[in-house]
Amino acid sequence: MRKKNIWLTLMSSLVFAFLIIPLFIVVVTAFGESSAIQFPIKGFSLQWFEEVFKTKSFMRGMKTSLFISIWATVASIIVGVPAAYALARGTVKRRALLKNVFLSPTFVPGIVIGFALFQFLTIKLQMKIITSLFMGHFLISLPYIIRVVGSSLEHFDFSIEEAAWTLGCTKSKSFIKIVLPNISSGIFASFMLAFINSFNNIPVSMFLSGPGVQTLPIALMNHIEYNYDPTVSAMSVMLMLCTILLMWVIEKTLGLATIA
């Protein structure tokens, strides 16, 4: 038993190191003085963080990512919350079928979704790049809304809503006045989680981006293809900090264990 615990600890440590060491190297290289990424670094400087805001492709990508992610997530909330409610109130057979349909984008590799959307939205329908990006990010955000809001609804006592119906309250009014306030933390957490997923997405954005319209992750990929400087490391550190902050907010509002 003791030997088994030692091996388990060793394997866990190796996996943890495999995940953390690359991130550690990225963080360290963001503070070097050299004009090229190198590890270990020579000297200490914050110039590359300043350079991030001077790089036009990063700023354009940031604006595009924020625009797409916010509106795609808002649209997902508008569609996903009623869908999650319908799933929670539906019969067991119907619930299982519809849940699998709504969550299907999470079962398919992102690169497959990206290529399929490129063929359908860009080639077949000839949509504008910004519209295709919005539709793609809406599709990948919707499952997160349904999953998280659905978890909140599992802890909601529907007898309260039914009591309101018996007192003359309409279904739409009881949904707005009773259900939504009770699952507001779940809605907020789902918004944050879907936003993070959309903002950091690469596979779908890679296929649907085009000339003059690129999300930040794609701008980072294009930049590092021709410029091997620590600006990419600095931008990555900033994105990691923002993601950690948002995940902390999600943990405080709903709890990551609840939505796992």
C-alpha atoms as a PDB file:
ATOM      1  CA  MET A   1       0.000   0.000   0.000  1.00  0.00           C
ATOM      2  CA  ARG A   2       2.834   2.340   0.901  1.00  0.00           C
ATOM      3  CA  LYS A   3       4.649   1.554  -2.360  1.00  0.00           C
ATOM      4  CA  LYS A   4       1.440   2.259  -4.301  1.00  0.00           C
ATOM      5  CA  ASN A   5       1.102   5.667  -2.628  1.00  0.00           C
ATOM      6  CA  ILE A   6       4.726   6.504  -3.459  1.00  0.00           C
ATOM      7  CA  TRP A   7       4.203   5.670  -7.149  1.00  0.00           C
ATOM      8  CA  LEU A   8       0.946   7.648  -7.210  1.00  0.00           C
ATOM      9  CA  THR A   9       2.677  10.665  -5.659  1.00  0.00           C
ATOM     10  CA  LEU A  10       5.574  10.366  -8.111  1.00  0.00           C
ATOM     11  CA  MET A  11       3.304  10.165 -11.158  1.00  0.00           C
ATOM     12  CA  SER A  12       1.174  13.061  -9.920  1.00  0.00           C
ATOM     13  CA  SER A  13       4.316  15.145  -9.396  1.00  0.00           C
ATOM     14  CA  LEU A  14       5.569  14.355 -12.912  1.00  0.00           C
ATOM     15  CA  VAL A  15       2.237  15.313 -14.484  1.00  0.00           C
ATOM     16  CA  PHE A  16       2.120  18.518 -12.423  1.00  0.00           C
ATOM     17  CA  ALA A  17       5.691  19.381 -13.470  1.00  0.00           C
ATOM     18  CA  PHE A  18       4.858  18.641 -17.121  1.00  0.00           C
ATOM     19  CA  LEU A  19       1.999  21.166 -16.930  1.00  0.00           C
ATOM     20  CA  ILE A  20       3.672  23.855 -14.821  1.00  0.00           C
ATOM     21  CA  ILE A  21       7.252  24.016 -16.155  1.00  0.00           C
ATOM     22  CA  PRO A  22       6.294  25.323 -19.650  1.00  0.00           C
ATOM     23  CA  LEU A  23       4.115  28.014 -18.044  1.00  0.00           C
ATOM     24  CA  PHE A  24       6.950  28.910 -15.679  1.00  0.00           C
ATOM     25  CA  ILE A  25       9.343  29.327 -18.627  1.00  0.00           C
ATOM     26  CA  VAL A  26       6.842  31.562 -20.459  1.00  0.00           C
ATOM     27  CA  VAL A  27       6.440  33.764 -17.376  1.00  0.00           C
ATOM     28  CA  VAL A  28      10.196  34.071 -16.800  1.00  0.00           C
ATOM     29  CA  THR A  29      11.036  34.877 -20.444  1.00  0.00           C
ATOM     30  CA  ALA A  30       8.564  37.783 -20.369  1.00  0.00           C
ATOM     31  CA  PHE A  31      10.915  39.678 -18.030  1.00  0.00           C
ATOM     32  CA  GLY A  32      14.188  39.264 -19.933  1.00  0.00           C
ATOM     33  CA  GLU A  33      16.184  42.104 -21.522  1.00  0.00           C
ATOM     34  CA  SER A  34      17.153  40.189 -24.673  1.00  0.00           C
ATOM     35  CA  SER A  35      15.295  40.953 -27.909  1.00  0.00           C
ATOM     36  CA  ALA A  36      14.817  37.211 -28.459  1.00  0.00           C
ATOM     37  CA  ILE A  37      13.123  34.671 -26.205  1.00  0.00           C
ATOM     38  CA  GLN A  38      15.765  32.871 -24.159  1.00  0.00           C
ATOM     39  CA  PHE A  39      15.877  30.838 -20.974  1.00  0.00           C
ATOM     40  CA  PRO A  40      17.429  31.469 -18.542  1.00  0.00           C
ATOM     41  CA  ILE A  41      17.028  35.199 -19.037  1.00  0.00           C
ATOM     42  CA  LYS A  42      19.729  37.847 -18.854  1.00  0.00           C
ATOM     43  CA  GLY A  43      18.805  40.928 -16.849  1.00  0.00           C
ATOM     44  CA  PHE A  44      15.330  42.066 -15.827  1.00  0.00           C
ATOM     45  CA  SER A  45      13.014  44.350 -17.773  1.00  0.00           C
ATOM     46  CA  LEU A  46       9.340  45.245 -18.116  1.00  0.00           C
ATOM     47  CA  GLN A  47       9.792  46.695 -21.600  1.00  0.00           C
ATOM     48  CA  TRP A  48       8.023  43.803 -23.318  1.00  0.00           C
ATOM     49  CA  PHE A  49       4.808  44.470 -21.409  1.00  0.00           C
ATOM     50  CA  GLU A  50       4.962  48.038 -22.685  1.00  0.00           C
ATOM     51  CA  GLU A  51       5.696  46.709 -26.166  1.00  0.00           C
ATOM     52  CA  VAL A  52       2.460  44.691 -26.081  1.00  0.00           C
ATOM     53  CA  PHE A  53       0.405  47.896 -26.162  1.00  0.00           C
ATOM     54  CA  LYS A  54       2.538  49.276 -29.006  1.00  0.00           C
ATOM     55  CA  THR A  55       1.985  46.228 -31.217  1.00  0.00           C
ATOM     56  CA  LYS A  56      -0.929  47.138 -33.485  1.00  0.00           C
ATOM     57  CA  SER A  57      -1.784  43.542 -34.417  1.00  0.00           C
ATOM     58  CA  PHE A  58      -2.220  42.680 -30.722  1.00  0.00           C
ATOM     59  CA  MET A  59      -4.449  45.676 -30.083  1.00  0.00           C
ATOM     60  CA  ARG A  60      -6.603  44.944 -33.140  1.00  0.00           C
ATOM     61  CA  GLY A  61      -6.807  41.308 -32.095  1.00  0.00           C
ATOM     62  CA  MET A  62      -7.747  42.324 -28.546  1.00  0.00           C
ATOM     63  CA  LYS A  63     -10.593  44.528 -29.798  1.00  0.00           C
ATOM     64  CA  THR A  64     -11.856  41.799 -32.129  1.00  0.00           C
ATOM     65  CA  SER A  65     -11.667  39.130 -29.417  1.00  0.00           C
ATOM     66  CA  LEU A  66     -13.496  41.296 -26.885  1.00  0.00           C
ATOM     67  CA  PHE A  67     -16.196  42.242 -29.403  1.00  0.00           C
ATOM     68  CA  ILE A  68     -16.770  38.667 -30.597  1.00  0.00           C
ATOM     69  CA  SER A  69     -16.509  37.043 -27.161  1.00  0.00           C
ATOM     70  CA  ILE A  70     -18.836  39.466 -25.377  1.00  0.00           C
ATOM     71  CA  TRP A  71     -21.588  39.428 -27.999  1.00  0.00           C
ATOM     72  CA  ALA A  72     -21.331  35.687 -28.658  1.00  0.00           C
ATOM     73  CA  THR A  73     -21.595  35.030 -24.923  1.00  0.00           C
ATOM     74  CA  VAL A  74     -24.551  37.417 -24.542  1.00  0.00           C
ATOM     75  CA  ALA A  75     -26.337  35.648 -27.406  1.00  0.00           C
ATOM     76  CA  SER A  76     -25.535  32.299 -25.789  1.00  0.00           C
ATOM     77  CA  ILE A  77     -27.053  33.515 -22.510  1.00  0.00           C
ATOM     78  CA  ILE A  78     -30.236  34.615 -24.296  1.00  0.00           C
ATOM     79  CA  VAL A  79     -30.619  31.204 -25.956  1.00  0.00           C
ATOM     80  CA  GLY A  80     -28.937  28.975 -23.375  1.00  0.00           C
ATOM     81  CA  VAL A  81     -30.773  29.991 -20.191  1.00  0.00           C
ATOM     82  CA  PRO A  82     -34.276  29.196 -21.540  1.00  0.00           C
ATOM     83  CA  ALA A  83     -32.859  26.009 -23.109  1.00  0.00           C
ATOM     84  CA  ALA A  84     -31.388  24.888 -19.777  1.00  0.00           C
ATOM     85  CA  TYR A  85     -34.710  25.665 -18.076  1.00  0.00           C
ATOM     86  CA  ALA A  86     -36.618  23.634 -20.673  1.00  0.00           C
ATOM     87  CA  LEU A  87     -34.217  20.724 -20.166  1.00  0.00           C
ATOM     88  CA  ALA A  88     -34.648  20.889 -16.391  1.00  0.00           C
ATOM     89  CA  ARG A  89     -38.456  20.878 -16.687  1.00  0.00           C
ATOM     90  CA  GLY A  90     -38.658  18.254 -19.452  1.00  0.00           C
ATOM     91  CA  THR A  91     -39.200  14.503 -19.210  1.00  0.00           C
ATOM     92  CA  VAL A  92     -36.224  12.214 -18.614  1.00  0.00           C
ATOM     93  CA  LYS A  93     -36.112  10.804 -22.183  1.00  0.00           C
ATOM     94  CA  ARG A  94     -36.548  14.177 -23.813  1.00  0.00           C
ATOM     95  CA  ARG A  95     -34.033  15.745 -21.439  1.00  0.00           C
ATOM     96  CA  ALA A  96     -31.304  13.225 -22.277  1.00  0.00           C
ATOM     97  CA  LEU A  97     -31.799  13.592 -26.041  1.00  0.00           C
ATOM     98  CA  LEU A  98     -31.863  17.395 -26.104  1.00  0.00           C
ATOM     99  CA  LYS A  99     -28.964  17.647 -23.651  1.00  0.00           C
ATOM    100  CA  ASN A 100     -26.798  15.541 -25.958  1.00  0.00           C
ATOM    101  CA  VAL A 101     -27.786  17.732 -28.920  1.00  0.00           C
ATOM    102  CA  PHE A 102     -26.980  20.989 -27.121  1.00  0.00           C
ATOM    103  CA  LEU A 103     -23.712  19.694 -25.651  1.00  0.00           C
ATOM    104  CA  SER A 104     -22.552  18.012 -28.878  1.00  0.00           C
ATOM    105  CA  PRO A 105     -20.029  20.791 -29.737  1.00  0.00           C
ATOM    106  CA  THR A 106     -18.057  19.821 -26.624  1.00  0.00           C
ATOM    107  CA  PHE A 107     -17.765  16.214 -27.840  1.00  0.00           C
ATOM    108  CA  VAL A 108     -16.342  17.110 -31.268  1.00  0.00           C
ATOM    109  CA  PRO A 109     -12.701  18.248 -31.701  1.00  0.00           C
ATOM    110  CA  GLY A 110     -12.459  22.012 -32.135  1.00  0.00           C
ATOM    111  CA  ILE A 111     -10.541  21.724 -35.394  1.00  0.00           C
ATOM    112  CA  VAL A 112     -13.378  19.640 -36.880  1.00  0.00           C
ATOM    113  CA  ILE A 113     -15.954  22.236 -35.800  1.00  0.00           C
ATOM    114  CA  GLY A 114     -13.789  25.031 -37.205  1.00  0.00           C
ATOM    115  CA  PHE A 115     -13.374  23.342 -40.592  1.00  0.00           C
ATOM    116  CA  ALA A 116     -17.082  22.456 -40.801  1.00  0.00           C
ATOM    117  CA  LEU A 117     -18.101  26.038 -39.997  1.00  0.00           C
ATOM    118  CA  PHE A 118     -15.583  27.358 -42.529  1.00  0.00           C
ATOM    119  CA  GLN A 119     -17.079  25.152 -45.249  1.00  0.00           C
ATOM    120  CA  PHE A 120     -20.666  26.054 -44.354  1.00  0.00           C
ATOM    121  CA  LEU A 121     -20.527  29.706 -43.261  1.00  0.00           C
ATOM    122  CA  THR A 122     -17.639  31.054 -45.331  1.00  0.00           C
ATOM    123  CA  ILE A 123     -17.660  28.896 -48.475  1.00  0.00           C
ATOM    124  CA  LYS A 124     -21.335  27.906 -48.791  1.00  0.00           C
ATOM    125  CA  LEU A 125     -23.151  30.933 -47.320  1.00  0.00           C
ATOM    126  CA  GLN A 126     -20.327  33.423 -48.061  1.00  0.00           C
ATOM    127  CA  MET A 127     -20.822  35.253 -44.772  1.00  0.00           C
ATOM    128  CA  LYS A 128     -18.599  38.134 -43.772  1.00  0.00           C
ATOM    129  CA  ILE A 129     -15.602  37.185 -41.640  1.00  0.00           C
ATOM    130  CA  ILE A 130     -16.862  38.998 -38.535  1.00  0.00           C
ATOM    131  CA  THR A 131     -20.303  37.339 -38.860  1.00  0.00           C
ATOM    132  CA  SER A 132     -18.762  33.888 -39.305  1.00  0.00           C
ATOM    133  CA  LEU A 133     -16.597  34.429 -36.224  1.00  0.00           C
ATOM    134  CA  PHE A 134     -19.629  35.484 -34.206  1.00  0.00           C
ATOM    135  CA  MET A 135     -21.632  32.425 -35.284  1.00  0.00           C
ATOM    136  CA  GLY A 136     -18.720  30.089 -34.576  1.00  0.00           C
ATOM    137  CA  HIS A 137     -18.073  31.494 -31.119  1.00  0.00           C
ATOM    138  CA  PHE A 138     -21.798  31.459 -30.337  1.00  0.00           C
ATOM    139  CA  LEU A 139     -21.870  27.743 -31.162  1.00  0.00           C
ATOM    140  CA  ILE A 140     -18.919  26.872 -28.911  1.00  0.00           C
ATOM    141  CA  SER A 141     -20.183  29.092 -26.060  1.00  0.00           C
ATOM    142  CA  LEU A 142     -23.735  27.731 -25.905  1.00  0.00           C
ATOM    143  CA  PRO A 143     -22.866  24.341 -24.312  1.00  0.00           C
ATOM    144  CA  TYR A 144     -21.083  26.060 -21.410  1.00  0.00           C
ATOM    145  CA  ILE A 145     -24.151  28.179 -20.668  1.00  0.00           C
ATOM    146  CA  ILE A 146     -26.479  25.174 -20.738  1.00  0.00           C
ATOM    147  CA  ARG A 147     -24.118  23.044 -18.632  1.00  0.00           C
ATOM    148  CA  VAL A 148     -23.534  25.608 -15.865  1.00  0.00           C
ATOM    149  CA  VAL A 149     -27.074  27.024 -15.720  1.00  0.00           C
ATOM    150  CA  GLY A 150     -28.379  23.456 -15.787  1.00  0.00           C
ATOM    151  CA  SER A 151     -26.260  22.686 -12.713  1.00  0.00           C
ATOM    152  CA  SER A 152     -27.833  25.663 -10.919  1.00  0.00           C
ATOM    153  CA  LEU A 153     -31.340  24.535 -11.875  1.00  0.00           C
ATOM    154  CA  GLU A 154     -30.671  21.086 -10.399  1.00  0.00           C
ATOM    155  CA  HIS A 155     -30.536  22.770  -6.974  1.00  0.00           C
ATOM    156  CA  PHE A 156     -33.614  24.921  -7.590  1.00  0.00           C
ATOM    157  CA  ASP A 157     -36.890  23.979  -5.890  1.00  0.00           C
ATOM    158  CA  PHE A 158     -39.469  24.135  -8.687  1.00  0.00           C
ATOM    159  CA  SER A 159     -42.315  23.851  -6.168  1.00  0.00           C
ATOM    160  CA  ILE A 160     -41.776  27.565  -5.467  1.00  0.00           C
ATOM    161  CA  GLU A 161     -42.490  28.364  -9.102  1.00  0.00           C
ATOM    162  CA  GLU A 162     -45.493  26.035  -9.145  1.00  0.00           C
ATOM    163  CA  ALA A 163     -46.864  27.748  -6.048  1.00  0.00           C
ATOM    164  CA  ALA A 164     -46.651  31.057  -7.894  1.00  0.00           C
ATOM    165  CA  TRP A 165     -48.654  29.556 -10.766  1.00  0.00           C
ATOM    166  CA  THR A 166     -51.445  28.518  -8.391  1.00  0.00           C
ATOM    167  CA  LEU A 167     -51.574  32.104  -7.110  1.00  0.00           C
ATOM    168  CA  GLY A 168     -52.222  33.433 -10.604  1.00  0.00           C
ATOM    169  CA  CYS A 169     -48.694  34.261 -11.734  1.00  0.00           C
ATOM    170  CA  THR A 170     -48.044  33.591 -15.431  1.00  0.00           C
ATOM    171  CA  LYS A 171     -45.257  31.215 -16.467  1.00  0.00           C
ATOM    172  CA  SER A 172     -43.221  33.950 -18.118  1.00  0.00           C
ATOM    173  CA  LYS A 173     -43.557  36.260 -15.118  1.00  0.00           C
ATOM    174  CA  SER A 174     -42.671  33.515 -12.629  1.00  0.00           C
ATOM    175  CA  PHE A 175     -39.611  32.642 -14.738  1.00  0.00           C
ATOM    176  CA  ILE A 176     -38.404  36.250 -14.651  1.00  0.00           C
ATOM    177  CA  LYS A 177     -39.381  37.048 -11.054  1.00  0.00           C
ATOM    178  CA  ILE A 178     -38.620  33.717  -9.333  1.00  0.00           C
ATOM    179  CA  VAL A 179     -36.369  31.433 -11.394  1.00  0.00           C
ATOM    180  CA  LEU A 180     -33.860  33.943 -12.784  1.00  0.00           C
ATOM    181  CA  PRO A 181     -33.020  35.609  -9.423  1.00  0.00           C
ATOM    182  CA  ASN A 182     -32.414  32.189  -7.847  1.00  0.00           C
ATOM    183  CA  ILE A 183     -29.996  31.070 -10.562  1.00  0.00           C
ATOM    184  CA  SER A 184     -28.308  34.453 -11.113  1.00  0.00           C
ATOM    185  CA  SER A 185     -24.973  33.229  -9.723  1.00  0.00           C
ATOM    186  CA  GLY A 186     -25.047  30.307 -12.164  1.00  0.00           C
ATOM    187  CA  ILE A 187     -25.846  32.635 -15.063  1.00  0.00           C
ATOM    188  CA  PHE A 188     -22.961  34.919 -14.093  1.00  0.00           C
ATOM    189  CA  ALA A 189     -20.538  31.991 -13.735  1.00  0.00           C
ATOM    190  CA  SER A 190     -21.644  30.546 -17.083  1.00  0.00           C
ATOM    191  CA  PHE A 191     -21.123  33.932 -18.739  1.00  0.00           C
ATOM    192  CA  MET A 192     -17.572  34.157 -17.384  1.00  0.00           C
ATOM    193  CA  LEU A 193     -16.716  30.568 -18.325  1.00  0.00           C
ATOM    194  CA  ALA A 194     -18.136  30.887 -21.846  1.00  0.00           C
ATOM    195  CA  PHE A 195     -16.346  34.214 -22.291  1.00  0.00           C
ATOM    196  CA  ILE A 196     -12.991  32.675 -21.298  1.00  0.00           C
ATOM    197  CA  ASN A 197     -13.530  29.770 -23.689  1.00  0.00           C
ATOM    198  CA  SER A 198     -14.497  32.084 -26.542  1.00  0.00           C
ATOM    199  CA  PHE A 199     -11.718  34.613 -25.940  1.00  0.00           C
ATOM    200  CA  ASN A 200      -8.971  31.952 -25.813  1.00  0.00           C
ATOM    201  CA  ASN A 201     -10.324  29.794 -28.636  1.00  0.00           C
ATOM    202  CA  ILE A 202      -7.903  28.895 -31.428  1.00  0.00           C
ATOM    203  CA  PRO A 203      -9.324  26.065 -33.643  1.00  0.00           C
ATOM    204  CA  VAL A 204     -12.564  27.805 -34.651  1.00  0.00           C
ATOM    205  CA  SER A 205     -10.949  31.261 -34.887  1.00  0.00           C
ATOM    206  CA  MET A 206      -8.107  29.867 -37.005  1.00  0.00           C
ATOM    207  CA  PHE A 207     -10.509  28.732 -39.735  1.00  0.00           C
ATOM    208  CA  LEU A 208     -12.911  31.686 -39.584  1.00  0.00           C
ATOM    209  CA  SER A 209     -10.429  34.574 -39.263  1.00  0.00           C
ATOM    210  CA  GLY A 210      -9.333  36.435 -42.378  1.00  0.00           C
ATOM    211  CA  PRO A 211      -7.484  39.496 -43.694  1.00  0.00           C
ATOM    212  CA  GLY A 212      -7.904  42.402 -41.276  1.00  0.00           C
ATOM    213  CA  VAL A 213     -10.115  40.407 -38.882  1.00  0.00           C
ATOM    214  CA  GLN A 214      -8.180  38.254 -36.419  1.00  0.00           C
ATOM    215  CA  THR A 215      -8.757  37.341 -32.800  1.00  0.00           C
ATOM    216  CA  LEU A 216      -5.946  37.830 -30.292  1.00  0.00           C
ATOM    217  CA  PRO A 217      -4.820  34.152 -30.147  1.00  0.00           C
ATOM    218  CA  ILE A 218      -4.507  34.111 -33.955  1.00  0.00           C
ATOM    219  CA  ALA A 219      -2.622  37.431 -33.881  1.00  0.00           C
ATOM    220  CA  LEU A 220      -0.216  35.875 -31.355  1.00  0.00           C
ATOM    221  CA  MET A 221       0.338  32.850 -33.600  1.00  0.00           C
ATOM    222  CA  ASN A 222       1.003  35.030 -36.637  1.00  0.00           C
ATOM    223  CA  HIS A 223       3.360  37.272 -34.662  1.00  0.00           C
ATOM    224  CA  ILE A 224       5.525  34.450 -33.327  1.00  0.00           C
ATOM    225  CA  GLU A 225       5.823  33.008 -36.836  1.00  0.00           C
ATOM    226  CA  TYR A 226       7.966  35.980 -37.873  1.00  0.00           C
ATOM    227  CA  ASN A 227       9.055  37.589 -34.573  1.00  0.00           C
ATOM    228  CA  TYR A 228      10.630  35.479 -31.848  1.00  0.00           C
ATOM    229  CA  ASP A 229      10.640  38.212 -29.210  1.00  0.00           C
ATOM    230  CA  PRO A 230       9.407  38.226 -25.570  1.00  0.00           C
ATOM    231  CA  THR A 231       6.376  40.332 -26.511  1.00  0.00           C
ATOM    232  CA  VAL A 232       4.467  37.079 -27.015  1.00  0.00           C
ATOM    233  CA  SER A 233       5.538  35.889 -23.555  1.00  0.00           C
ATOM    234  CA  ALA A 234       4.423  39.184 -22.006  1.00  0.00           C
ATOM    235  CA  MET A 235       1.040  38.987 -23.737  1.00  0.00           C
ATOM    236  CA  SER A 236       0.687  35.359 -22.619  1.00  0.00           C
ATOM    237  CA  VAL A 237       1.405  36.318 -18.997  1.00  0.00           C
ATOM    238  CA  MET A 238      -1.275  39.011 -19.130  1.00  0.00           C
ATOM    239  CA  LEU A 239      -3.792  36.543 -20.569  1.00  0.00           C
ATOM    240  CA  MET A 240      -2.935  33.965 -17.900  1.00  0.00           C
ATOM    241  CA  LEU A 241      -3.450  36.516 -15.126  1.00  0.00           C
ATOM    242  CA  CYS A 242      -6.812  37.580 -16.573  1.00  0.00           C
ATOM    243  CA  THR A 243      -7.919  33.949 -16.902  1.00  0.00           C
ATOM    244  CA  ILE A 244      -6.866  33.143 -13.329  1.00  0.00           C
ATOM    245  CA  LEU A 245      -8.771  36.193 -12.078  1.00  0.00           C
ATOM    246  CA  LEU A 246     -11.927  35.219 -13.957  1.00  0.00           C
ATOM    247  CA  MET A 247     -11.702  31.609 -12.751  1.00  0.00           C
ATOM    248  CA  TRP A 248     -11.338  32.899  -9.187  1.00  0.00           C
ATOM    249  CA  VAL A 249     -14.505  34.960  -9.660  1.00  0.00           C
ATOM    250  CA  ILE A 250     -16.324  31.856 -10.961  1.00  0.00           C
ATOM    251  CA  GLU A 251     -15.133  29.838  -7.964  1.00  0.00           C
ATOM    252  CA  LYS A 252     -16.411  32.513  -5.575  1.00  0.00           C
ATOM    253  CA  THR A 253     -19.804  32.896  -7.276  1.00  0.00           C
ATOM    254  CA  LEU A 254     -20.753  29.278  -7.965  1.00  0.00           C
ATOM    255  CA  GLY A 255     -17.805  26.963  -7.331  1.00  0.00           C
ATOM    256  CA  LEU A 256     -15.846  25.040  -9.941  1.00  0.00           C
ATOM    257  CA  ALA A 257     -16.757  21.714  -8.329  1.00  0.00           C
ATOM    258  CA  THR A 258     -20.437  22.454  -8.970  1.00  0.00           C
ATOM    259  CA  ILE A 259     -19.963  22.826 -12.724  1.00  0.00           C
ATOM    260  CA  ALA A 260     -17.407  20.051 -13.176  1.00  0.00           C
END
